[in-house]
N, C-alpha and C. Protein backbone atom coordinates (compact mmCIF):
# COMPACT_ATOMS: atom_id res chain seq x y z
N MET A 1 90.36 64.90 83.77
CA MET A 1 89.71 64.01 82.83
C MET A 1 88.76 64.86 81.98
N HIS A 2 88.83 64.69 80.68
CA HIS A 2 87.97 65.43 79.76
C HIS A 2 86.53 64.94 79.89
N ARG A 3 85.59 65.82 79.63
CA ARG A 3 84.17 65.46 79.80
C ARG A 3 83.76 64.24 78.99
N GLU A 4 84.32 64.08 77.79
CA GLU A 4 83.98 62.91 76.98
C GLU A 4 84.55 61.64 77.60
N GLU A 5 85.69 61.75 78.25
CA GLU A 5 86.27 60.59 78.96
C GLU A 5 85.38 60.18 80.13
N ILE A 6 84.86 61.17 80.84
CA ILE A 6 83.96 60.88 81.96
C ILE A 6 82.73 60.15 81.46
N LYS A 7 82.13 60.66 80.40
CA LYS A 7 80.93 60.02 79.83
C LYS A 7 81.24 58.61 79.35
N ALA A 8 82.39 58.43 78.69
CA ALA A 8 82.78 57.11 78.19
C ALA A 8 83.01 56.13 79.33
N GLN A 9 83.66 56.59 80.39
CA GLN A 9 83.91 55.72 81.54
C GLN A 9 82.60 55.33 82.22
N LEU A 10 81.67 56.25 82.30
CA LEU A 10 80.36 55.93 82.87
C LEU A 10 79.66 54.88 82.00
N ARG A 11 79.72 55.04 80.68
CA ARG A 11 79.09 54.06 79.78
C ARG A 11 79.70 52.68 79.96
N LEU A 12 81.02 52.63 80.15
CA LEU A 12 81.70 51.34 80.32
C LEU A 12 81.20 50.58 81.54
N ILE A 13 80.75 51.30 82.55
CA ILE A 13 80.25 50.62 83.75
C ILE A 13 78.72 50.56 83.76
N GLY A 14 78.11 50.86 82.61
CA GLY A 14 76.66 50.76 82.49
C GLY A 14 75.90 51.91 83.12
N SER A 15 76.54 53.06 83.19
CA SER A 15 75.91 54.23 83.79
C SER A 15 75.87 55.36 82.78
N SER A 16 75.35 56.49 83.18
CA SER A 16 75.26 57.65 82.30
C SER A 16 75.03 58.89 83.15
N LEU A 17 75.11 60.05 82.51
CA LEU A 17 74.81 61.29 83.24
C LEU A 17 73.36 61.28 83.70
N ALA A 18 72.48 60.74 82.87
CA ALA A 18 71.06 60.68 83.22
C ALA A 18 70.83 59.79 84.44
N SER A 19 71.53 58.67 84.51
CA SER A 19 71.33 57.79 85.66
C SER A 19 71.90 58.41 86.93
N VAL A 20 73.02 59.12 86.81
CA VAL A 20 73.56 59.83 87.97
C VAL A 20 72.54 60.87 88.44
N ALA A 21 71.96 61.59 87.49
CA ALA A 21 70.96 62.60 87.83
C ALA A 21 69.76 61.98 88.55
N ARG A 22 69.26 60.86 88.02
CA ARG A 22 68.12 60.19 88.65
C ARG A 22 68.46 59.76 90.08
N GLU A 23 69.64 59.17 90.24
CA GLU A 23 70.06 58.70 91.57
C GLU A 23 70.15 59.84 92.59
N LEU A 24 70.55 61.01 92.12
CA LEU A 24 70.73 62.16 93.01
C LEU A 24 69.49 63.05 93.10
N GLY A 25 68.50 62.78 92.25
CA GLY A 25 67.29 63.59 92.26
C GLY A 25 67.48 64.98 91.70
N VAL A 26 68.35 65.08 90.68
CA VAL A 26 68.58 66.37 90.02
C VAL A 26 68.37 66.19 88.52
N LYS A 27 68.35 67.30 87.80
CA LYS A 27 68.18 67.24 86.35
C LYS A 27 69.48 66.81 85.68
N LYS A 28 69.33 66.14 84.54
CA LYS A 28 70.51 65.71 83.78
C LYS A 28 71.36 66.93 83.41
N GLN A 29 70.71 68.03 83.08
CA GLN A 29 71.45 69.25 82.71
C GLN A 29 72.33 69.74 83.86
N THR A 30 71.87 69.55 85.08
CA THR A 30 72.67 69.96 86.24
C THR A 30 73.94 69.13 86.32
N VAL A 31 73.81 67.82 86.11
CA VAL A 31 74.98 66.94 86.11
C VAL A 31 75.91 67.32 84.96
N ASN A 32 75.34 67.57 83.79
CA ASN A 32 76.15 67.94 82.62
C ASN A 32 76.91 69.24 82.88
N THR A 33 76.27 70.21 83.52
CA THR A 33 76.92 71.48 83.83
C THR A 33 78.16 71.27 84.69
N VAL A 34 78.08 70.34 85.63
CA VAL A 34 79.22 70.04 86.49
C VAL A 34 80.31 69.33 85.68
N VAL A 35 79.91 68.37 84.85
CA VAL A 35 80.89 67.60 84.08
C VAL A 35 81.66 68.49 83.11
N VAL A 36 80.99 69.43 82.46
CA VAL A 36 81.68 70.29 81.50
C VAL A 36 82.45 71.43 82.16
N GLY A 37 82.27 71.59 83.47
CA GLY A 37 83.05 72.59 84.19
C GLY A 37 82.43 73.96 84.30
N LYS A 38 81.16 74.09 83.91
CA LYS A 38 80.50 75.39 84.00
C LYS A 38 79.85 75.62 85.35
N GLY A 39 79.82 74.57 86.16
CA GLY A 39 79.26 74.68 87.49
C GLY A 39 79.97 73.70 88.41
N ARG A 40 79.73 73.85 89.71
CA ARG A 40 80.36 72.96 90.68
C ARG A 40 79.31 72.45 91.64
N SER A 41 79.45 71.21 92.01
CA SER A 41 78.61 70.61 93.04
C SER A 41 79.41 69.47 93.65
N LYS A 42 79.80 69.65 94.89
CA LYS A 42 80.59 68.60 95.55
C LYS A 42 79.83 67.28 95.56
N ARG A 43 78.52 67.35 95.76
CA ARG A 43 77.70 66.14 95.80
C ARG A 43 77.75 65.38 94.46
N ILE A 44 77.58 66.10 93.36
CA ILE A 44 77.61 65.47 92.04
C ILE A 44 79.02 65.01 91.70
N GLU A 45 80.01 65.84 91.98
CA GLU A 45 81.40 65.46 91.71
C GLU A 45 81.77 64.19 92.47
N MET A 46 81.38 64.12 93.74
CA MET A 46 81.71 62.94 94.55
C MET A 46 80.97 61.70 94.04
N ALA A 47 79.73 61.85 93.63
CA ALA A 47 78.96 60.72 93.12
C ALA A 47 79.58 60.15 91.85
N ILE A 48 79.99 61.02 90.94
CA ILE A 48 80.61 60.57 89.69
C ILE A 48 81.95 59.91 89.98
N ALA A 49 82.77 60.56 90.79
CA ALA A 49 84.08 60.00 91.12
C ALA A 49 83.93 58.63 91.77
N GLN A 50 83.00 58.50 92.70
CA GLN A 50 82.78 57.23 93.38
C GLN A 50 82.37 56.15 92.39
N LYS A 51 81.47 56.48 91.46
CA LYS A 51 81.05 55.50 90.44
C LYS A 51 82.24 55.03 89.62
N LEU A 52 83.18 55.94 89.34
CA LEU A 52 84.34 55.61 88.51
C LEU A 52 85.47 54.98 89.32
N GLY A 53 85.30 54.92 90.63
CA GLY A 53 86.35 54.35 91.48
C GLY A 53 87.57 55.24 91.59
N LEU A 54 87.33 56.55 91.49
CA LEU A 54 88.41 57.53 91.53
C LEU A 54 88.10 58.59 92.59
N THR A 55 89.08 59.43 92.86
CA THR A 55 88.83 60.58 93.72
C THR A 55 88.36 61.74 92.85
N VAL A 56 87.76 62.73 93.48
CA VAL A 56 87.33 63.93 92.74
C VAL A 56 88.55 64.57 92.09
N GLU A 57 89.67 64.58 92.79
CA GLU A 57 90.90 65.18 92.26
C GLU A 57 91.42 64.43 91.03
N GLU A 58 91.21 63.13 90.98
CA GLU A 58 91.65 62.36 89.81
C GLU A 58 90.75 62.63 88.61
N VAL A 59 89.48 62.85 88.86
CA VAL A 59 88.55 63.13 87.76
C VAL A 59 88.71 64.56 87.27
N TRP A 60 88.84 65.50 88.21
CA TRP A 60 88.95 66.92 87.88
C TRP A 60 90.20 67.50 88.52
N PRO A 61 91.39 67.19 88.04
CA PRO A 61 92.62 67.69 88.67
C PRO A 61 92.76 69.21 88.61
N GLU A 62 92.10 69.83 87.66
CA GLU A 62 92.22 71.28 87.49
C GLU A 62 91.37 72.06 88.48
N ARG A 63 90.51 71.38 89.22
CA ARG A 63 89.61 72.10 90.15
C ARG A 63 90.23 72.26 91.51
């Protein structure tokens, strides 16, 4: 899933990268780094996938 698709899907459910960051107690930039693929965090990946009702593999099949 492309990073813009992830952001759009989060918006559709009333969420955002900032809200994911707040929920996890991390900076928004940290979440963004994971979403764009410049960093990895199983915790952040799992939180985003769970919010979207998908598996991590469905959100990031290339990882």
